[in-house]
Amino acid sequence: MCGNLLSGNYNQLKSDTSVVNMSAWVQLLYCVSLVLGSSLAEITARNERPIIGILAQESYSINKFFPNEDVHSFIAASYVKFVESSGGRVLPIMIGHDKDYYYNIINKTNGLLLPGGGVWFNETKGYAEAGQHLYDAALALNKAGDFYPIWGTCLGMELIPYVALNGEELRAHCYSKKISLPLNFKPDYKSSRLFSTAPKEIINILKTENVTVNSHGFCFTEANFTRYNLTDEWKVLSTNVDRDGLEFISSYEHKSLPFYGVQFHPEKNLFEFERAPTTLHTSNAIKTSSYFADFFVDECRKNGHNFEKELAKDLIYKYAPRYIGILGSIYEQVYIFSSKD
């Protein structure tokens, strides 16, 4: 396709600016980007008002705080603030809907955040099923030249390879509850998109200080990535070791698509104040967490979807966050959604 467009069709396209032929113009622009070594998004205008979808999850971990309410799903407010702190807006994505609902959201938002939490992947009409539809839709967009980023934190990081393999469980059991660690970078981490532009100060903090908050019972090992042939498309950027000495992957990215995963919780340093020494609120911890938020939201600015007016009525602002940290929750605030949402 690209050879024909670049060699023979330019003059014809130049004289034909009809709406009908706009798809060919997009194809030409995409092909030029490949030749120049840039993505389509990098040579088009930036979107300085990105809207980012955050996937809700089943509510059973917080139901005890709402005994008399119809609470079907929730999003921890720290993930919303994580996006908002870097200039993004949030569209909550509900669980339990059909495929068309999720494909429509991907086609109208500028990026997707899959949050951490505590749910099972085999739940019908739940977090993982929605994640599969969302991933498939985002994958199709990117393969068509429409830059669309995905960020996964903890459970969300674990979900991405799971749905990339169409529901293949490859996680190991990890004992990494409530522990903060420095990152053990892989030798080629500087060639990654996630860390190549990070200031030296941020890299030094991540290398030497206990600023990444871990709270997970499952994880990926490099051996499992190799066993399932994930290393062909995914790049491991850092590892850590759990309390039992098991080495696990703490960050990765797709080699050609804007898909990223971190096993730790950058949003917690910024916005969660659980009564435990795990979550750090030092200036250095805040700097590193803010770096990850800025990086992801800036990736979403490269997506040109513009459905601001259509999505405005469904943004997170229509919901009020509920304060449950004072009741003993690990979350300071949550957004709750009923079975009717």
Protein backbone atom coordinates (compact mmCIF):
# COMPACT_ATOMS: atom_id res chain seq x y z
CA MET A 1 0.00 0.00 0.00
CA CYS A 2 2.68 2.50 1.04
CA GLY A 3 4.77 1.94 -2.07
CA ASN A 4 1.88 2.74 -4.39
CA LEU A 5 0.82 5.79 -2.43
CA LEU A 6 4.27 7.27 -2.18
CA SER A 7 5.26 6.63 -5.80
CA GLY A 8 2.14 7.06 -7.90
CA ASN A 9 -0.82 8.53 -6.09
CA TYR A 10 0.44 11.79 -4.65
CA ASN A 11 -0.34 13.95 -7.70
CA GLN A 12 -3.82 12.51 -7.92
CA LEU A 13 -4.43 13.13 -4.24
CA LYS A 14 -3.11 16.68 -4.49
CA SER A 15 -5.79 17.57 -7.01
CA ASP A 16 -8.57 15.77 -5.11
CA THR A 17 -9.48 17.29 -1.76
CA SER A 18 -12.93 15.76 -1.54
CA VAL A 19 -14.18 14.23 1.69
CA VAL A 20 -14.44 10.91 -0.12
CA ASN A 21 -10.70 10.82 -0.66
CA MET A 22 -9.67 11.91 2.84
CA SER A 23 -9.01 8.31 3.92
CA ALA A 24 -6.37 8.10 1.20
CA TRP A 25 -4.78 11.29 2.52
CA VAL A 26 -4.59 9.72 5.99
CA GLN A 27 -2.99 6.61 4.49
CA LEU A 28 -0.44 8.77 2.67
CA LEU A 29 0.38 10.68 5.85
CA TYR A 30 0.82 7.42 7.73
CA CYS A 31 3.18 6.07 5.05
CA VAL A 32 5.25 9.25 5.11
CA SER A 33 5.53 8.89 8.89
CA LEU A 34 6.91 5.38 8.48
CA VAL A 35 9.54 6.62 6.05
CA LEU A 36 10.57 9.44 8.37
CA GLY A 37 10.67 7.12 11.38
CA SER A 38 7.87 8.97 13.19
CA SER A 39 4.43 7.90 14.28
CA LEU A 40 1.36 9.42 12.67
CA ALA A 41 0.61 11.17 15.94
CA GLU A 42 4.01 12.83 16.11
CA ILE A 43 3.49 14.70 12.84
CA THR A 44 -0.06 15.84 13.50
CA ALA A 45 -1.31 18.52 15.90
CA ARG A 46 -1.20 17.72 19.62
CA ASN A 47 -4.44 17.40 21.56
CA GLU A 48 -4.04 19.60 24.62
CA ARG A 49 -7.43 18.60 26.09
CA PRO A 50 -7.15 14.79 26.33
CA ILE A 51 -9.99 12.68 27.69
CA ILE A 52 -8.82 9.40 29.17
CA GLY A 53 -10.99 6.42 29.97
CA ILE A 54 -10.49 4.66 33.33
CA LEU A 55 -12.02 1.21 33.70
CA ALA A 56 -14.17 0.52 36.77
CA GLN A 57 -14.04 -2.80 38.59
CA GLU A 58 -16.26 -5.00 40.73
CA SER A 59 -17.08 -3.48 44.09
CA TYR A 60 -16.74 -6.40 46.49
CA SER A 61 -13.57 -5.01 48.08
CA ILE A 62 -15.43 -1.86 49.21
CA ASN A 63 -19.03 -3.06 49.67
CA LYS A 64 -18.68 -3.16 53.44
CA PHE A 65 -18.40 0.63 53.44
CA PHE A 66 -21.77 1.00 51.65
CA PRO A 67 -24.06 -1.62 53.29
CA ASN A 68 -27.34 -0.03 52.21
CA GLU A 69 -26.47 1.19 48.72
CA ASP A 70 -26.56 -0.27 45.23
CA VAL A 71 -22.81 -0.32 44.58
CA HIS A 72 -22.02 -2.30 41.45
CA SER A 73 -18.52 -1.03 40.60
CA PHE A 74 -16.03 1.66 41.55
CA ILE A 75 -12.91 3.61 40.61
CA ALA A 76 -10.43 4.76 43.24
CA ALA A 77 -10.27 8.55 43.13
CA SER A 78 -6.46 8.46 43.19
CA TYR A 79 -6.44 7.24 39.58
CA VAL A 80 -8.71 10.07 38.53
CA LYS A 81 -6.47 12.58 40.29
CA PHE A 82 -3.40 10.94 38.71
CA VAL A 83 -4.78 11.80 35.27
CA GLU A 84 -6.12 15.21 36.27
CA SER A 85 -2.84 16.24 37.90
CA SER A 86 -1.19 16.20 34.47
CA GLY A 87 -3.95 17.96 32.56
CA GLY A 88 -6.20 15.12 31.48
CA ARG A 89 -9.91 14.55 32.04
CA VAL A 90 -11.52 11.25 32.92
CA LEU A 91 -14.35 9.27 31.41
CA PRO A 92 -15.36 6.41 33.72
CA ILE A 93 -15.79 3.13 31.82
CA MET A 94 -18.41 0.84 33.33
CA ILE A 95 -18.23 -2.94 33.49
CA GLY A 96 -21.01 -5.25 32.32
CA HIS A 97 -21.66 -3.72 28.91
CA ASP A 98 -21.50 -5.20 25.42
CA LYS A 99 -18.60 -5.08 22.96
CA ASP A 100 -20.00 -2.10 21.04
CA TYR A 101 -19.98 0.06 24.19
CA TYR A 102 -16.25 -0.49 24.69
CA TYR A 103 -15.31 -0.07 21.03
CA ASN A 104 -17.26 3.20 20.96
CA ILE A 105 -15.33 4.48 23.99
CA ILE A 106 -11.94 3.65 22.48
CA ASN A 107 -12.89 5.43 19.27
CA LYS A 108 -13.85 8.60 21.15
CA THR A 109 -11.29 8.91 23.95
CA ASN A 110 -7.57 9.70 23.77
CA GLY A 111 -6.19 6.93 25.98
CA LEU A 112 -7.04 4.18 28.45
CA LEU A 113 -5.94 3.58 32.05
CA LEU A 114 -6.43 0.12 33.55
CA PRO A 115 -6.21 0.59 37.33
CA GLY A 116 -4.99 -1.68 40.07
CA GLY A 117 -7.35 -3.43 42.44
CA GLY A 118 -8.43 -6.78 43.76
CA VAL A 119 -10.71 -8.68 41.37
CA TRP A 120 -10.57 -12.01 39.56
CA PHE A 121 -10.10 -12.20 35.82
CA ASN A 122 -12.69 -14.96 35.33
CA GLU A 123 -15.69 -12.90 36.44
CA THR A 124 -18.42 -12.77 33.79
CA LYS A 125 -19.22 -9.23 32.63
CA GLY A 126 -16.44 -7.89 34.82
CA TYR A 127 -13.12 -6.04 34.72
CA ALA A 128 -11.21 -8.55 32.60
CA GLU A 129 -13.98 -9.10 30.06
CA ALA A 130 -14.29 -5.34 29.57
CA GLY A 131 -10.50 -5.11 29.39
CA GLN A 132 -10.42 -7.67 26.59
CA HIS A 133 -12.82 -5.63 24.45
CA LEU A 134 -10.98 -2.39 25.20
CA TYR A 135 -7.58 -3.89 24.39
CA ASP A 136 -8.83 -5.42 21.14
CA ALA A 137 -10.30 -2.09 20.07
CA ALA A 138 -7.14 -0.16 20.97
CA LEU A 139 -4.98 -2.73 19.18
CA ALA A 140 -7.07 -2.41 16.02
CA LEU A 141 -6.79 1.39 16.11
CA ASN A 142 -3.02 1.34 16.49
CA LYS A 143 -2.57 -1.19 13.72
CA ALA A 144 -4.58 1.14 11.47
CA GLY A 145 -2.19 4.02 12.29
CA ASP A 146 -4.37 5.70 14.93
CA PHE A 147 -2.08 6.28 17.93
CA TYR A 148 -3.93 5.20 21.10
CA PRO A 149 -2.07 4.64 24.41
CA ILE A 150 -2.86 2.20 27.22
CA TRP A 151 -1.44 2.40 30.74
CA GLY A 152 -1.81 -0.46 33.23
CA THR A 153 -1.06 -0.15 36.95
CA CYS A 154 -0.63 -3.28 39.12
CA LEU A 155 -3.74 -5.36 38.31
CA GLY A 156 -4.05 -3.36 35.09
CA MET A 157 -0.43 -4.15 34.24
CA GLU A 158 -1.25 -7.84 34.81
CA LEU A 159 -4.37 -7.59 32.67
CA ILE A 160 -2.65 -6.35 29.51
CA PRO A 161 -0.63 -9.53 28.71
CA TYR A 162 -3.60 -11.62 29.85
CA VAL A 163 -5.89 -10.09 27.24
CA ALA A 164 -3.08 -9.86 24.67
CA LEU A 165 -3.04 -13.68 24.90
CA ASN A 166 -6.87 -13.81 24.79
CA GLY A 167 -7.31 -14.91 28.38
CA GLU A 168 -4.19 -16.99 28.99
CA GLU A 169 -3.20 -16.95 32.66
CA LEU A 170 0.57 -16.60 32.99
CA ARG A 171 0.99 -14.88 36.34
CA ALA A 172 3.01 -16.25 39.24
CA HIS A 173 2.17 -15.84 42.90
CA CYS A 174 4.08 -12.98 44.52
CA TYR A 175 4.50 -11.88 48.11
CA SER A 176 4.81 -8.15 47.61
CA LYS A 177 2.23 -6.60 49.88
CA LYS A 178 2.93 -3.16 51.30
CA ILE A 179 6.55 -2.81 50.34
CA SER A 180 8.30 0.09 48.59
CA LEU A 181 11.35 -0.54 46.45
CA PRO A 182 13.84 1.08 44.05
CA LEU A 183 13.73 -0.20 40.47
CA ASN A 184 16.31 -2.64 39.13
CA PHE A 185 16.60 -1.35 35.57
CA LYS A 186 17.43 -3.64 32.68
CA PRO A 187 20.67 -2.73 30.84
CA ASP A 188 18.83 -1.30 27.82
CA TYR A 189 16.18 0.67 29.71
CA LYS A 190 17.44 3.96 28.26
CA SER A 191 16.29 2.87 24.81
CA SER A 192 12.70 2.61 26.02
CA ARG A 193 10.06 5.25 25.37
CA LEU A 194 9.04 5.26 29.04
CA PHE A 195 12.47 6.14 30.42
CA SER A 196 14.52 7.53 27.54
CA THR A 197 13.43 11.12 28.18
CA ALA A 198 13.29 10.91 31.97
CA PRO A 199 15.50 13.49 33.70
CA LYS A 200 18.62 12.07 35.36
CA GLU A 201 17.26 13.11 38.73
CA ILE A 202 14.17 10.93 38.25
CA ILE A 203 16.24 7.93 37.13
CA ASN A 204 18.60 8.32 40.09
CA ILE A 205 15.71 8.46 42.54
CA LEU A 206 14.07 5.41 40.99
CA LYS A 207 17.37 3.53 41.10
CA THR A 208 18.35 4.32 44.67
CA GLU A 209 15.28 5.13 46.78
CA ASN A 210 12.29 3.09 47.97
CA VAL A 211 9.75 5.13 46.02
CA THR A 212 7.74 2.52 44.09
CA VAL A 213 4.81 1.20 46.11
CA ASN A 214 4.10 -2.51 45.65
CA SER A 215 0.94 -4.21 46.87
CA HIS A 216 0.28 -7.29 44.78
CA GLY A 217 -0.23 -11.03 45.20
CA PHE A 218 0.42 -11.91 41.55
CA CYS A 219 3.19 -10.91 39.16
CA PHE A 220 4.98 -11.74 35.93
CA THR A 221 8.39 -13.35 35.73
CA GLU A 222 10.74 -13.04 32.79
CA ALA A 223 10.65 -16.83 32.44
CA ASN A 224 6.87 -16.70 31.91
CA PHE A 225 7.21 -13.88 29.41
CA THR A 226 9.67 -16.02 27.46
CA ARG A 227 7.56 -19.17 27.77
CA TYR A 228 4.55 -17.42 26.25
CA ASN A 229 6.64 -15.69 23.54
CA LEU A 230 5.84 -12.24 24.88
CA THR A 231 9.43 -11.08 24.55
CA ASP A 232 8.93 -10.88 20.79
CA GLU A 233 6.64 -7.85 21.21
CA TRP A 234 7.13 -6.67 24.80
CA LYS A 235 10.21 -5.11 26.36
CA VAL A 236 10.96 -5.64 30.06
CA LEU A 237 12.31 -2.38 31.49
CA SER A 238 12.84 -3.19 35.16
CA THR A 239 12.50 -5.93 37.74
CA ASN A 240 12.21 -6.25 41.50
CA VAL A 241 12.38 -9.02 44.07
CA ASP A 242 9.47 -9.91 46.37
CA ARG A 243 9.70 -10.77 50.09
CA ASP A 244 10.37 -14.44 49.26
CA GLY A 245 13.16 -13.70 46.79
CA LEU A 246 11.14 -14.12 43.58
CA GLU A 247 12.24 -11.74 40.84
CA PHE A 248 9.28 -10.15 39.05
CA ILE A 249 8.78 -7.68 36.22
CA SER A 250 8.08 -4.20 37.59
CA SER A 251 7.71 -2.29 34.31
CA TYR A 252 7.36 -3.06 30.63
CA GLU A 253 6.28 -1.53 27.34
CA HIS A 254 5.22 -2.82 23.96
CA LYS A 255 8.05 -2.61 21.44
CA SER A 256 6.04 -0.81 18.76
CA LEU A 257 2.71 0.25 20.30
CA PRO A 258 2.08 2.83 23.05
CA PHE A 259 1.15 0.23 25.69
CA TYR A 260 2.79 0.47 29.13
CA GLY A 261 2.58 -1.39 32.42
CA VAL A 262 3.97 -0.85 35.92
CA GLN A 263 3.51 -3.31 38.77
CA PHE A 264 3.87 -0.55 41.35
CA HIS A 265 1.44 2.27 42.22
CA PRO A 266 2.62 5.79 41.31
CA GLU A 267 -0.82 7.20 42.18
CA LYS A 268 -0.47 6.15 45.82
CA ASN A 269 2.53 8.37 46.58
CA LEU A 270 0.51 11.30 45.28
CA PHE A 271 -2.97 10.72 46.66
CA GLU A 272 -3.31 7.80 49.10
CA PHE A 273 -2.57 8.20 52.81
CA GLU A 274 -3.16 4.71 54.19
CA ARG A 275 -1.79 4.34 57.69
CA ALA A 276 1.25 2.32 56.65
CA PRO A 277 4.89 3.16 55.98
CA THR A 278 4.67 1.81 52.43
CA THR A 279 3.35 4.91 50.66
CA LEU A 280 5.91 7.68 50.64
CA HIS A 281 5.06 11.35 50.36
CA THR A 282 8.59 12.71 50.23
CA SER A 283 9.38 15.27 47.57
CA ASN A 284 11.41 12.68 45.67
CA ALA A 285 8.59 10.14 45.73
CA ILE A 286 6.20 12.79 44.44
CA LYS A 287 8.59 13.75 41.64
CA THR A 288 8.78 10.19 40.33
CA SER A 289 5.03 9.62 40.51
CA SER A 290 4.38 12.90 38.76
CA TYR A 291 6.81 11.87 36.04
CA PHE A 292 4.73 8.78 35.24
CA ALA A 293 1.48 10.78 35.22
CA ASP A 294 3.01 13.42 32.94
CA PHE A 295 4.41 10.78 30.61
CA PHE A 296 1.13 8.93 30.16
CA VAL A 297 -1.07 12.00 29.74
CA ASP A 298 1.45 13.42 27.25
CA GLU A 299 1.18 10.18 25.26
CA CYS A 300 -2.59 10.70 25.20
CA ARG A 301 -2.07 14.19 23.79
CA LYS A 302 -0.73 12.51 20.65
CA ASN A 303 -4.17 11.05 19.93
CA GLY A 304 -6.35 13.29 17.78
CA HIS A 305 -9.84 12.06 18.69
CA ASN A 306 -12.05 15.03 19.50
CA PHE A 307 -15.43 14.14 20.95
CA GLU A 308 -15.32 16.60 23.82
CA LYS A 309 -18.88 17.89 23.44
CA GLU A 310 -20.35 14.42 23.07
CA LEU A 311 -18.52 13.00 26.11
CA ALA A 312 -18.94 16.04 28.39
CA LYS A 313 -22.15 14.81 30.00
CA ASP A 314 -20.55 11.49 31.01
CA LEU A 315 -17.24 12.70 32.46
CA ILE A 316 -16.29 11.85 36.04
CA TYR A 317 -17.46 15.29 37.21
CA LYS A 318 -21.08 14.08 37.29
CA TYR A 319 -20.16 11.78 40.20
CA ALA A 320 -19.14 12.79 43.71
CA PRO A 321 -16.16 11.02 45.34
CA ARG A 322 -16.88 9.30 48.65
CA TYR A 323 -14.47 9.58 51.57
CA ILE A 324 -13.84 6.09 53.00
CA GLY A 325 -10.21 6.37 54.12
CA ILE A 326 -11.44 7.49 57.51
CA LEU A 327 -13.43 4.23 57.75
CA GLY A 328 -10.33 2.09 57.30
CA SER A 329 -10.22 1.65 53.54
CA ILE A 330 -6.92 1.52 51.64
CA TYR A 331 -8.46 4.21 49.41
CA GLU A 332 -8.98 7.74 50.67
CA GLN A 333 -11.81 8.35 48.20
CA VAL A 334 -13.71 6.29 45.64
CA TYR A 335 -16.23 6.92 42.91
CA ILE A 336 -19.05 4.40 43.15
CA PHE A 337 -21.43 3.34 40.37
CA SER A 338 -24.76 1.55 40.59
CA SER A 339 -26.01 -1.36 38.50
CA LYS A 340 -27.89 1.22 36.38
CA ASP A 341 -24.72 3.04 35.28
